[in-house]
Amino acid sequence: MANIVFKANALFDLTGRIAMVTGGGTGIGYMIARGLAANGAKVYITGRRADVLQRVVDTTPKTEGEILALPMDVTSKDSILQARREIETKEGKLHILVNNAGQVGPTSPFLTDPNAPEVKDGESFGSALFKEDQQGWSDLYSINVFSIFFTTTAFLGLLEKGTKECQIPGYTSSVINITSISGVIKLAQDHFCYNSAKAAASHLTKMLSTEFALKKIPVRVNSIAPGVYASEMTTDTISAEEVDKIGKGITPVPAQRDGSAEEMAGTAVYLASKAGCYMNGQELIIDGGYCAVNPAVV
């Protein structure tokens, strides 16, 4: 115990770590990328919009570590493999993979309107829901679920190398999947598709973790389930009233605010750092108490 350093700058230091954050140019992905870089990691941010990625690279303070743009479409296996080849060529390994890219998909706004004609009886309700776009469901699952599986498996070998080449005792590379409280709660929140996809992502996290562990592959897999955070899918600034409007809960969020960039980044840094190396196959819910007061599978 006498030789253990308990200071935060030692516990959460990511110096020398190589990271990749999908959807890292905006919102939650950007928060996480900034947090990883600020603690010493070299962070590749991916997305389909090269201009957005480059703007992040150009505007991020140089004192916060290194962020690099890496255009990649997480719904394309060819694009994923091209990104893998680039990181393999430049770095030879990977320590942190954050699967953050995602979208909302088909919605049915009448779900939270008790006076909507679509909810007056079973026939009306079923017919209205049946009208949701089937291709939209497929597209949403492609980006919110399939991308996690294919991106993680494509980079698994580089993550394993990251573990084996690291000189820190007990350190293992980390996959962090960004799910949502929408995959945990039992409400549809106007979007059955998004919520069921996020629930699938949560279970996929656990299966990947278990299978890697059973196969003795030294890569941890955990997930973060955020509540309401400012992002392109919500808005840049959120009042307490807007938080509850976006969350569509039965009971208001106890924290009476949205989550902060520091809270999101801090959770990801913990999971990626030496301090979080004993956590595997878990989902951390950071939601201001939303799931504590609304029906949830927890």
C-alpha atoms as a PDB file:
ATOM      1  CA  MET A   1       0.000   0.000   0.000  1.00  0.00           C
ATOM      2  CA  ALA A   2       2.851   2.367   0.776  1.00  0.00           C
ATOM      3  CA  ASN A   3       3.974   2.453  -2.871  1.00  0.00           C
ATOM      4  CA  ILE A   4       0.519   2.965  -4.383  1.00  0.00           C
ATOM      5  CA  VAL A   5      -0.200   6.433  -5.796  1.00  0.00           C
ATOM      6  CA  PHE A   6      -3.776   7.503  -5.118  1.00  0.00           C
ATOM      7  CA  LYS A   7      -3.598  10.925  -6.763  1.00  0.00           C
ATOM      8  CA  ALA A   8      -6.090  11.491  -9.570  1.00  0.00           C
ATOM      9  CA  ASN A   9      -3.412  12.480 -12.072  1.00  0.00           C
ATOM     10  CA  ALA A  10      -1.864   9.026 -11.635  1.00  0.00           C
ATOM     11  CA  LEU A  11      -5.062   6.987 -11.442  1.00  0.00           C
ATOM     12  CA  PHE A  12      -6.588   8.508 -14.570  1.00  0.00           C
ATOM     13  CA  ASP A  13      -3.477   9.242 -16.625  1.00  0.00           C
ATOM     14  CA  LEU A  14      -3.880   8.131 -20.255  1.00  0.00           C
ATOM     15  CA  THR A  15      -0.477   9.195 -21.511  1.00  0.00           C
ATOM     16  CA  GLY A  16       0.637   6.934 -24.339  1.00  0.00           C
ATOM     17  CA  ARG A  17      -2.813   5.456 -24.892  1.00  0.00           C
ATOM     18  CA  ILE A  18      -4.245   5.368 -28.429  1.00  0.00           C
ATOM     19  CA  ALA A  19      -8.000   5.906 -28.641  1.00  0.00           C
ATOM     20  CA  MET A  20     -10.721   6.005 -31.278  1.00  0.00           C
ATOM     21  CA  VAL A  21     -14.133   7.607 -30.765  1.00  0.00           C
ATOM     22  CA  THR A  22     -16.809   7.007 -33.390  1.00  0.00           C
ATOM     23  CA  GLY A  23     -19.077   9.983 -33.909  1.00  0.00           C
ATOM     24  CA  GLY A  24     -16.424  12.018 -32.107  1.00  0.00           C
ATOM     25  CA  GLY A  25     -17.025  15.306 -33.864  1.00  0.00           C
ATOM     26  CA  THR A  26     -20.151  16.389 -31.981  1.00  0.00           C
ATOM     27  CA  GLY A  27     -22.162  15.940 -28.796  1.00  0.00           C
ATOM     28  CA  ILE A  28     -21.308  13.138 -26.403  1.00  0.00           C
ATOM     29  CA  GLY A  29     -18.573  11.775 -28.659  1.00  0.00           C
ATOM     30  CA  TYR A  30     -16.852  15.157 -28.670  1.00  0.00           C
ATOM     31  CA  MET A  31     -17.130  15.411 -24.869  1.00  0.00           C
ATOM     32  CA  ILE A  32     -15.465  12.021 -24.499  1.00  0.00           C
ATOM     33  CA  ALA A  33     -12.766  12.752 -27.081  1.00  0.00           C
ATOM     34  CA  ARG A  34     -11.852  15.962 -25.273  1.00  0.00           C
ATOM     35  CA  GLY A  35     -11.728  14.147 -21.943  1.00  0.00           C
ATOM     36  CA  LEU A  36      -9.490  11.363 -23.230  1.00  0.00           C
ATOM     37  CA  ALA A  37      -7.144  13.804 -24.958  1.00  0.00           C
ATOM     38  CA  ALA A  38      -6.967  16.119 -21.957  1.00  0.00           C
ATOM     39  CA  ASN A  39      -5.677  13.197 -19.904  1.00  0.00           C
ATOM     40  CA  GLY A  40      -2.934  12.295 -22.335  1.00  0.00           C
ATOM     41  CA  ALA A  41      -4.461  10.016 -24.958  1.00  0.00           C
ATOM     42  CA  LYS A  42      -3.945  10.345 -28.695  1.00  0.00           C
ATOM     43  CA  VAL A  43      -7.525  10.345 -29.957  1.00  0.00           C
ATOM     44  CA  TYR A  44      -8.792   9.562 -33.442  1.00  0.00           C
ATOM     45  CA  ILE A  45     -12.328  10.875 -33.972  1.00  0.00           C
ATOM     46  CA  THR A  46     -14.411   9.316 -36.740  1.00  0.00           C
ATOM     47  CA  GLY A  47     -17.521  10.287 -38.640  1.00  0.00           C
ATOM     48  CA  ARG A  48     -18.891  10.610 -42.140  1.00  0.00           C
ATOM     49  CA  ARG A  49     -18.514  14.406 -42.260  1.00  0.00           C
ATOM     50  CA  ALA A  50     -14.838  15.166 -42.751  1.00  0.00           C
ATOM     51  CA  ASP A  51     -15.395  18.922 -42.393  1.00  0.00           C
ATOM     52  CA  VAL A  52     -16.934  18.494 -38.933  1.00  0.00           C
ATOM     53  CA  LEU A  53     -14.025  16.322 -37.801  1.00  0.00           C
ATOM     54  CA  GLN A  54     -11.433  18.757 -39.117  1.00  0.00           C
ATOM     55  CA  ARG A  55     -13.152  21.685 -37.398  1.00  0.00           C
ATOM     56  CA  VAL A  56     -12.811  19.848 -34.083  1.00  0.00           C
ATOM     57  CA  VAL A  57      -9.116  19.219 -34.745  1.00  0.00           C
ATOM     58  CA  ASP A  58      -8.544  22.873 -35.658  1.00  0.00           C
ATOM     59  CA  THR A  59     -10.417  24.352 -32.687  1.00  0.00           C
ATOM     60  CA  THR A  60      -9.455  22.038 -29.823  1.00  0.00           C
ATOM     61  CA  PRO A  61      -6.943  23.728 -27.476  1.00  0.00           C
ATOM     62  CA  LYS A  62      -3.476  22.281 -28.037  1.00  0.00           C
ATOM     63  CA  THR A  63      -3.015  22.010 -24.271  1.00  0.00           C
ATOM     64  CA  GLU A  64      -5.609  19.230 -24.170  1.00  0.00           C
ATOM     65  CA  GLY A  65      -3.684  16.532 -25.970  1.00  0.00           C
ATOM     66  CA  GLU A  66      -3.863  15.285 -29.538  1.00  0.00           C
ATOM     67  CA  ILE A  67      -7.074  14.797 -31.539  1.00  0.00           C
ATOM     68  CA  LEU A  68      -6.920  13.603 -35.145  1.00  0.00           C
ATOM     69  CA  ALA A  69      -9.629  13.293 -37.809  1.00  0.00           C
ATOM     70  CA  LEU A  70     -10.313   9.871 -39.311  1.00  0.00           C
ATOM     71  CA  PRO A  71     -13.296   9.797 -41.710  1.00  0.00           C
ATOM     72  CA  MET A  72     -15.199   6.526 -41.310  1.00  0.00           C
ATOM     73  CA  ASP A  73     -18.731   5.285 -41.932  1.00  0.00           C
ATOM     74  CA  VAL A  74     -19.624   2.830 -39.163  1.00  0.00           C
ATOM     75  CA  THR A  75     -22.352   1.296 -41.323  1.00  0.00           C
ATOM     76  CA  SER A  76     -19.817   0.228 -43.969  1.00  0.00           C
ATOM     77  CA  LYS A  77     -17.531  -2.745 -43.338  1.00  0.00           C
ATOM     78  CA  ASP A  78     -15.174  -1.510 -46.068  1.00  0.00           C
ATOM     79  CA  SER A  79     -14.898   1.892 -44.379  1.00  0.00           C
ATOM     80  CA  ILE A  80     -14.315   0.279 -40.982  1.00  0.00           C
ATOM     81  CA  LEU A  81     -11.529  -1.885 -42.389  1.00  0.00           C
ATOM     82  CA  GLN A  82      -9.935   1.115 -44.108  1.00  0.00           C
ATOM     83  CA  ALA A  83      -9.865   2.962 -40.766  1.00  0.00           C
ATOM     84  CA  ARG A  84      -8.380  -0.110 -39.090  1.00  0.00           C
ATOM     85  CA  ARG A  85      -5.637  -0.257 -41.695  1.00  0.00           C
ATOM     86  CA  GLU A  86      -4.819   3.403 -41.135  1.00  0.00           C
ATOM     87  CA  ILE A  87      -4.526   3.054 -37.360  1.00  0.00           C
ATOM     88  CA  GLU A  88      -2.599  -0.193 -37.704  1.00  0.00           C
ATOM     89  CA  THR A  89      -0.141   1.494 -40.049  1.00  0.00           C
ATOM     90  CA  LYS A  90       0.288   4.625 -37.932  1.00  0.00           C
ATOM     91  CA  GLU A  91       0.044   3.186 -34.413  1.00  0.00           C
ATOM     92  CA  GLY A  92       0.222  -0.617 -34.591  1.00  0.00           C
ATOM     93  CA  LYS A  93      -2.224  -0.923 -31.698  1.00  0.00           C
ATOM     94  CA  LEU A  94      -5.275   0.560 -29.983  1.00  0.00           C
ATOM     95  CA  HIS A  95      -6.065   0.897 -26.272  1.00  0.00           C
ATOM     96  CA  ILE A  96      -9.466   2.574 -26.180  1.00  0.00           C
ATOM     97  CA  LEU A  97     -12.423   2.172 -28.534  1.00  0.00           C
ATOM     98  CA  VAL A  98     -15.525   4.257 -27.879  1.00  0.00           C
ATOM     99  CA  ASN A  99     -18.524   3.169 -29.958  1.00  0.00           C
ATOM    100  CA  ASN A 100     -20.573   6.342 -29.809  1.00  0.00           C
ATOM    101  CA  ALA A 101     -22.014   6.902 -33.298  1.00  0.00           C
ATOM    102  CA  GLY A 102     -25.804   6.804 -33.325  1.00  0.00           C
ATOM    103  CA  GLN A 103     -29.084   8.287 -34.527  1.00  0.00           C
ATOM    104  CA  VAL A 104     -32.713   8.450 -33.352  1.00  0.00           C
ATOM    105  CA  GLY A 105     -34.583   6.774 -36.220  1.00  0.00           C
ATOM    106  CA  PRO A 106     -38.377   6.483 -36.725  1.00  0.00           C
ATOM    107  CA  THR A 107     -40.611   8.175 -34.161  1.00  0.00           C
ATOM    108  CA  SER A 108     -44.315   8.173 -33.256  1.00  0.00           C
ATOM    109  CA  PRO A 109     -45.006  11.488 -31.459  1.00  0.00           C
ATOM    110  CA  PHE A 110     -48.548  10.452 -30.505  1.00  0.00           C
ATOM    111  CA  LEU A 111     -47.163   7.969 -27.954  1.00  0.00           C
ATOM    112  CA  THR A 112     -46.831  10.663 -25.293  1.00  0.00           C
ATOM    113  CA  ASP A 113     -50.073  12.481 -26.182  1.00  0.00           C
ATOM    114  CA  PRO A 114     -52.935  10.932 -24.182  1.00  0.00           C
ATOM    115  CA  ASN A 115     -55.470  12.817 -26.321  1.00  0.00           C
ATOM    116  CA  ALA A 116     -54.110  11.722 -29.693  1.00  0.00           C
ATOM    117  CA  PRO A 117     -56.666   9.823 -31.837  1.00  0.00           C
ATOM    118  CA  GLU A 118     -54.003   7.178 -32.489  1.00  0.00           C
ATOM    119  CA  VAL A 119     -54.220   5.974 -28.879  1.00  0.00           C
ATOM    120  CA  LYS A 120     -58.004   5.845 -28.444  1.00  0.00           C
ATOM    121  CA  ASP A 121     -58.156   2.045 -28.824  1.00  0.00           C
ATOM    122  CA  GLY A 122     -56.094  -0.992 -29.744  1.00  0.00           C
ATOM    123  CA  GLU A 123     -57.021  -0.929 -33.435  1.00  0.00           C
ATOM    124  CA  SER A 124     -56.031   2.719 -33.817  1.00  0.00           C
ATOM    125  CA  PHE A 125     -52.855   2.300 -31.788  1.00  0.00           C
ATOM    126  CA  GLY A 126     -51.663  -0.782 -33.649  1.00  0.00           C
ATOM    127  CA  SER A 127     -52.440   0.712 -37.056  1.00  0.00           C
ATOM    128  CA  ALA A 128     -50.587   3.917 -36.246  1.00  0.00           C
ATOM    129  CA  LEU A 129     -47.480   2.077 -35.035  1.00  0.00           C
ATOM    130  CA  PHE A 130     -47.570  -0.244 -38.065  1.00  0.00           C
ATOM    131  CA  LYS A 131     -47.096   2.798 -40.290  1.00  0.00           C
ATOM    132  CA  GLU A 132     -43.553   3.342 -38.979  1.00  0.00           C
ATOM    133  CA  ASP A 133     -40.942   3.028 -41.717  1.00  0.00           C
ATOM    134  CA  GLN A 134     -39.551  -0.516 -41.829  1.00  0.00           C
ATOM    135  CA  GLN A 135     -36.422   0.580 -43.713  1.00  0.00           C
ATOM    136  CA  GLY A 136     -35.957   3.271 -41.081  1.00  0.00           C
ATOM    137  CA  TRP A 137     -35.872   0.551 -38.424  1.00  0.00           C
ATOM    138  CA  SER A 138     -33.259  -1.363 -40.394  1.00  0.00           C
ATOM    139  CA  ASP A 139     -31.134   1.737 -40.959  1.00  0.00           C
ATOM    140  CA  LEU A 140     -31.298   2.698 -37.277  1.00  0.00           C
ATOM    141  CA  TYR A 141     -30.256  -0.765 -36.106  1.00  0.00           C
ATOM    142  CA  SER A 142     -27.407  -0.632 -38.601  1.00  0.00           C
ATOM    143  CA  ILE A 143     -25.874   2.450 -37.011  1.00  0.00           C
ATOM    144  CA  ASN A 144     -26.872   1.896 -33.359  1.00  0.00           C
ATOM    145  CA  VAL A 145     -26.281  -1.863 -33.025  1.00  0.00           C
ATOM    146  CA  PHE A 146     -24.578  -3.442 -36.017  1.00  0.00           C
ATOM    147  CA  SER A 147     -21.829  -0.799 -35.964  1.00  0.00           C
ATOM    148  CA  ILE A 148     -20.837  -1.749 -32.414  1.00  0.00           C
ATOM    149  CA  PHE A 149     -20.403  -5.394 -33.363  1.00  0.00           C
ATOM    150  CA  PHE A 150     -18.484  -4.847 -36.579  1.00  0.00           C
ATOM    151  CA  THR A 151     -16.297  -1.982 -35.370  1.00  0.00           C
ATOM    152  CA  THR A 152     -15.351  -3.830 -32.176  1.00  0.00           C
ATOM    153  CA  THR A 153     -14.537  -7.069 -33.945  1.00  0.00           C
ATOM    154  CA  ALA A 154     -12.550  -5.277 -36.658  1.00  0.00           C
ATOM    155  CA  PHE A 155     -10.343  -3.551 -34.076  1.00  0.00           C
ATOM    156  CA  LEU A 156     -10.173  -6.410 -31.560  1.00  0.00           C
ATOM    157  CA  GLY A 157      -6.726  -7.548 -32.649  1.00  0.00           C
ATOM    158  CA  LEU A 158      -5.307  -4.029 -32.282  1.00  0.00           C
ATOM    159  CA  LEU A 159      -6.940  -3.703 -28.860  1.00  0.00           C
ATOM    160  CA  GLU A 160      -5.356  -6.994 -27.794  1.00  0.00           C
ATOM    161  CA  LYS A 161      -1.969  -5.655 -28.928  1.00  0.00           C
ATOM    162  CA  GLY A 162      -2.620  -2.527 -26.886  1.00  0.00           C
ATOM    163  CA  THR A 163      -3.024  -4.652 -23.776  1.00  0.00           C
ATOM    164  CA  LYS A 164      -0.004  -6.845 -24.435  1.00  0.00           C
ATOM    165  CA  GLU A 165       2.336  -3.953 -25.226  1.00  0.00           C
ATOM    166  CA  CYS A 166       1.292  -1.817 -22.260  1.00  0.00           C
ATOM    167  CA  GLN A 167       3.811  -1.725 -19.418  1.00  0.00           C
ATOM    168  CA  ILE A 168       1.260  -0.941 -16.690  1.00  0.00           C
ATOM    169  CA  PRO A 169       0.579  -4.002 -14.473  1.00  0.00           C
ATOM    170  CA  GLY A 170      -3.048  -5.117 -14.683  1.00  0.00           C
ATOM    171  CA  TYR A 171      -3.900  -2.754 -17.518  1.00  0.00           C
ATOM    172  CA  THR A 172      -6.255  -3.976 -20.251  1.00  0.00           C
ATOM    173  CA  SER A 173      -7.564  -2.229 -23.341  1.00  0.00           C
ATOM    174  CA  SER A 174     -11.118  -0.958 -23.127  1.00  0.00           C
ATOM    175  CA  VAL A 175     -14.194  -0.880 -25.361  1.00  0.00           C
ATOM    176  CA  ILE A 176     -16.795   1.636 -24.216  1.00  0.00           C
ATOM    177  CA  ASN A 177     -20.212   1.478 -25.867  1.00  0.00           C
ATOM    178  CA  ILE A 178     -22.445   4.524 -25.544  1.00  0.00           C
ATOM    179  CA  THR A 179     -25.950   3.188 -25.035  1.00  0.00           C
ATOM    180  CA  SER A 180     -28.745   5.204 -23.380  1.00  0.00           C
ATOM    181  CA  ILE A 181     -31.254   5.233 -20.568  1.00  0.00           C
ATOM    182  CA  SER A 182     -33.712   4.712 -23.431  1.00  0.00           C
ATOM    183  CA  GLY A 183     -32.489   1.117 -23.574  1.00  0.00           C
ATOM    184  CA  VAL A 184     -33.005   0.686 -19.838  1.00  0.00           C
ATOM    185  CA  ILE A 185     -36.398   2.236 -19.177  1.00  0.00           C
ATOM    186  CA  LYS A 186     -39.686   0.571 -20.063  1.00  0.00           C
ATOM    187  CA  LEU A 187     -41.190   3.653 -21.707  1.00  0.00           C
ATOM    188  CA  ALA A 188     -41.037   4.030 -25.485  1.00  0.00           C
ATOM    189  CA  GLN A 189     -40.471   7.830 -25.316  1.00  0.00           C
ATOM    190  CA  ASP A 190     -42.056   8.223 -28.777  1.00  0.00           C
ATOM    191  CA  HIS A 191     -39.462   5.936 -30.365  1.00  0.00           C
ATOM    192  CA  PHE A 192     -39.822   2.165 -30.033  1.00  0.00           C
ATOM    193  CA  CYS A 193     -37.071   1.689 -32.599  1.00  0.00           C
ATOM    194  CA  TYR A 194     -34.389   3.758 -30.846  1.00  0.00           C
ATOM    195  CA  ASN A 195     -35.148   2.350 -27.395  1.00  0.00           C
ATOM    196  CA  SER A 196     -35.123  -1.270 -28.504  1.00  0.00           C
ATOM    197  CA  ALA A 197     -31.894  -0.682 -30.456  1.00  0.00           C
ATOM    198  CA  LYS A 198     -30.214   0.787 -27.389  1.00  0.00           C
ATOM    199  CA  ALA A 199     -31.394  -2.177 -25.315  1.00  0.00           C
ATOM    200  CA  ALA A 200     -29.816  -4.440 -27.919  1.00  0.00           C
ATOM    201  CA  ALA A 201     -26.571  -2.452 -27.661  1.00  0.00           C
ATOM    202  CA  SER A 202     -26.595  -2.889 -23.893  1.00  0.00           C
ATOM    203  CA  HIS A 203     -26.964  -6.660 -24.165  1.00  0.00           C
ATOM    204  CA  LEU A 204     -24.403  -6.822 -26.958  1.00  0.00           C
ATOM    205  CA  THR A 205     -21.967  -5.145 -24.548  1.00  0.00           C
ATOM    206  CA  LYS A 206     -22.454  -7.945 -22.034  1.00  0.00           C
ATOM    207  CA  MET A 207     -22.147 -10.708 -24.629  1.00  0.00           C
ATOM    208  CA  LEU A 208     -18.931  -9.291 -26.084  1.00  0.00           C
ATOM    209  CA  SER A 209     -17.479  -8.919 -22.603  1.00  0.00           C
ATOM    210  CA  THR A 210     -18.352 -12.491 -21.672  1.00  0.00           C
ATOM    211  CA  GLU A 211     -17.114 -14.062 -24.892  1.00  0.00           C
ATOM    212  CA  PHE A 212     -13.825 -12.135 -24.817  1.00  0.00           C
ATOM    213  CA  ALA A 213     -13.261 -13.178 -21.208  1.00  0.00           C
ATOM    214  CA  LEU A 214     -14.056 -16.825 -21.891  1.00  0.00           C
ATOM    215  CA  LYS A 215     -11.704 -16.800 -24.878  1.00  0.00           C
ATOM    216  CA  LYS A 216      -9.020 -15.154 -22.690  1.00  0.00           C
ATOM    217  CA  ILE A 217      -8.848 -12.077 -24.910  1.00  0.00           C
ATOM    218  CA  PRO A 218      -7.563  -9.286 -22.626  1.00  0.00           C
ATOM    219  CA  VAL A 219     -10.007  -6.580 -23.698  1.00  0.00           C
ATOM    220  CA  ARG A 220     -12.721  -5.230 -21.399  1.00  0.00           C
ATOM    221  CA  VAL A 221     -16.144  -4.155 -22.691  1.00  0.00           C
ATOM    222  CA  ASN A 222     -18.422  -1.812 -20.742  1.00  0.00           C
ATOM    223  CA  SER A 223     -21.103   0.686 -21.616  1.00  0.00           C
ATOM    224  CA  ILE A 224     -22.265   4.118 -20.531  1.00  0.00           C
ATOM    225  CA  ALA A 225     -26.009   4.802 -20.586  1.00  0.00           C
ATOM    226  CA  PRO A 226     -26.456   8.601 -20.582  1.00  0.00           C
ATOM    227  CA  GLY A 227     -29.592  10.447 -19.665  1.00  0.00           C
ATOM    228  CA  VAL A 228     -30.267  13.804 -21.302  1.00  0.00           C
ATOM    229  CA  TYR A 229     -27.106  15.536 -22.538  1.00  0.00           C
ATOM    230  CA  ALA A 230     -26.772  18.404 -24.977  1.00  0.00           C
ATOM    231  CA  SER A 231     -26.027  17.021 -28.439  1.00  0.00           C
ATOM    232  CA  GLU A 232     -27.086  17.245 -32.061  1.00  0.00           C
ATOM    233  CA  MET A 233     -29.931  14.862 -31.221  1.00  0.00           C
ATOM    234  CA  THR A 234     -31.231  17.255 -28.539  1.00  0.00           C
ATOM    235  CA  THR A 235     -29.936  20.841 -28.466  1.00  0.00           C
ATOM    236  CA  ASP A 236     -26.875  22.843 -27.434  1.00  0.00           C
ATOM    237  CA  THR A 237     -28.306  24.237 -24.189  1.00  0.00           C
ATOM    238  CA  ILE A 238     -31.085  22.623 -22.189  1.00  0.00           C
ATOM    239  CA  SER A 239     -33.267  24.121 -19.457  1.00  0.00           C
ATOM    240  CA  ALA A 240     -34.764  22.001 -16.675  1.00  0.00           C
ATOM    241  CA  GLU A 241     -38.128  22.076 -18.444  1.00  0.00           C
ATOM    242  CA  GLU A 242     -36.545  20.989 -21.723  1.00  0.00           C
ATOM    243  CA  VAL A 243     -34.719  18.133 -19.982  1.00  0.00           C
ATOM    244  CA  ASP A 244     -38.037  16.643 -18.906  1.00  0.00           C
ATOM    245  CA  LYS A 245     -39.603  17.318 -22.304  1.00  0.00           C
ATOM    246  CA  ILE A 246     -36.748  15.473 -24.032  1.00  0.00           C
ATOM    247  CA  GLY A 247     -36.675  12.675 -21.445  1.00  0.00           C
ATOM    248  CA  LYS A 248     -40.435  12.058 -21.753  1.00  0.00           C
ATOM    249  CA  GLY A 249     -40.549  10.416 -18.346  1.00  0.00           C
ATOM    250  CA  ILE A 250     -43.492   9.897 -16.049  1.00  0.00           C
ATOM    251  CA  THR A 251     -41.594  11.681 -13.268  1.00  0.00           C
ATOM    252  CA  PRO A 252     -39.223  14.668 -13.725  1.00  0.00           C
ATOM    253  CA  VAL A 253     -35.445  14.179 -13.555  1.00  0.00           C
ATOM    254  CA  PRO A 254     -34.417  14.605  -9.887  1.00  0.00           C
ATOM    255  CA  ALA A 255     -31.245  16.532 -10.795  1.00  0.00           C
ATOM    256  CA  GLN A 256     -33.395  19.145 -12.600  1.00  0.00           C
ATOM    257  CA  ARG A 257     -30.759  19.625 -15.317  1.00  0.00           C
ATOM    258  CA  ASP A 258     -28.996  17.885 -18.152  1.00  0.00           C
ATOM    259  CA  GLY A 259     -25.676  16.121 -17.743  1.00  0.00           C
ATOM    260  CA  SER A 260     -22.414  18.043 -18.103  1.00  0.00           C
ATOM    261  CA  ALA A 261     -19.465  17.457 -20.401  1.00  0.00           C
ATOM    262  CA  GLU A 262     -17.266  16.906 -17.340  1.00  0.00           C
ATOM    263  CA  GLU A 263     -19.558  14.167 -16.034  1.00  0.00           C
ATOM    264  CA  MET A 264     -19.618  12.386 -19.379  1.00  0.00           C
ATOM    265  CA  ALA A 265     -15.881  12.711 -20.004  1.00  0.00           C
ATOM    266  CA  GLY A 266     -15.044  11.712 -16.442  1.00  0.00           C
ATOM    267  CA  THR A 267     -17.017   8.484 -16.683  1.00  0.00           C
ATOM    268  CA  ALA A 268     -15.309   7.519 -19.938  1.00  0.00           C
ATOM    269  CA  VAL A 269     -11.857   8.392 -18.585  1.00  0.00           C
ATOM    270  CA  TYR A 270     -12.503   6.182 -15.553  1.00  0.00           C
ATOM    271  CA  LEU A 271     -13.450   3.184 -17.696  1.00  0.00           C
ATOM    272  CA  ALA A 272     -10.447   3.696 -19.993  1.00  0.00           C
ATOM    273  CA  SER A 273      -7.887   4.283 -17.252  1.00  0.00           C
ATOM    274  CA  LYS A 274      -5.948   2.158 -14.811  1.00  0.00           C
ATOM    275  CA  ALA A 275      -8.564   3.014 -12.190  1.00  0.00           C
ATOM    276  CA  GLY A 276     -11.284   1.211 -14.155  1.00  0.00           C
ATOM    277  CA  CYS A 277      -9.401  -1.931 -15.139  1.00  0.00           C
ATOM    278  CA  TYR A 278     -11.331  -4.193 -12.748  1.00  0.00           C
ATOM    279  CA  MET A 279     -14.677  -3.279 -14.356  1.00  0.00           C
ATOM    280  CA  ASN A 280     -15.862  -5.520 -17.151  1.00  0.00           C
ATOM    281  CA  GLY A 281     -19.266  -6.278 -18.686  1.00  0.00           C
ATOM    282  CA  GLN A 282     -21.027  -3.475 -16.822  1.00  0.00           C
ATOM    283  CA  GLU A 283     -23.247  -0.545 -17.778  1.00  0.00           C
ATOM    284  CA  LEU A 284     -22.869   2.762 -15.945  1.00  0.00           C
ATOM    285  CA  ILE A 285     -26.067   4.823 -15.943  1.00  0.00           C
ATOM    286  CA  ILE A 286     -25.416   8.574 -15.653  1.00  0.00           C
ATOM    287  CA  ASP A 287     -28.830  10.195 -15.807  1.00  0.00           C
ATOM    288  CA  GLY A 288     -29.383  12.570 -12.873  1.00  0.00           C
ATOM    289  CA  GLY A 289     -31.654   9.999 -11.236  1.00  0.00           C
ATOM    290  CA  TYR A 290     -34.027   9.500 -14.201  1.00  0.00           C
ATOM    291  CA  CYS A 291     -34.055   5.703 -13.929  1.00  0.00           C
ATOM    292  CA  ALA A 292     -34.497   5.923 -10.166  1.00  0.00           C
ATOM    293  CA  VAL A 293     -37.930   7.529 -10.540  1.00  0.00           C
ATOM    294  CA  ASN A 294     -39.146   6.068 -13.846  1.00  0.00           C
ATOM    295  CA  PRO A 295     -39.920   2.403 -14.708  1.00  0.00           C
ATOM    296  CA  ALA A 296     -36.619   0.823 -15.693  1.00  0.00           C
ATOM    297  CA  VAL A 297     -34.966  -2.570 -16.083  1.00  0.00           C
ATOM    298  CA  VAL A 298     -32.281  -2.086 -13.423  1.00  0.00           C
END
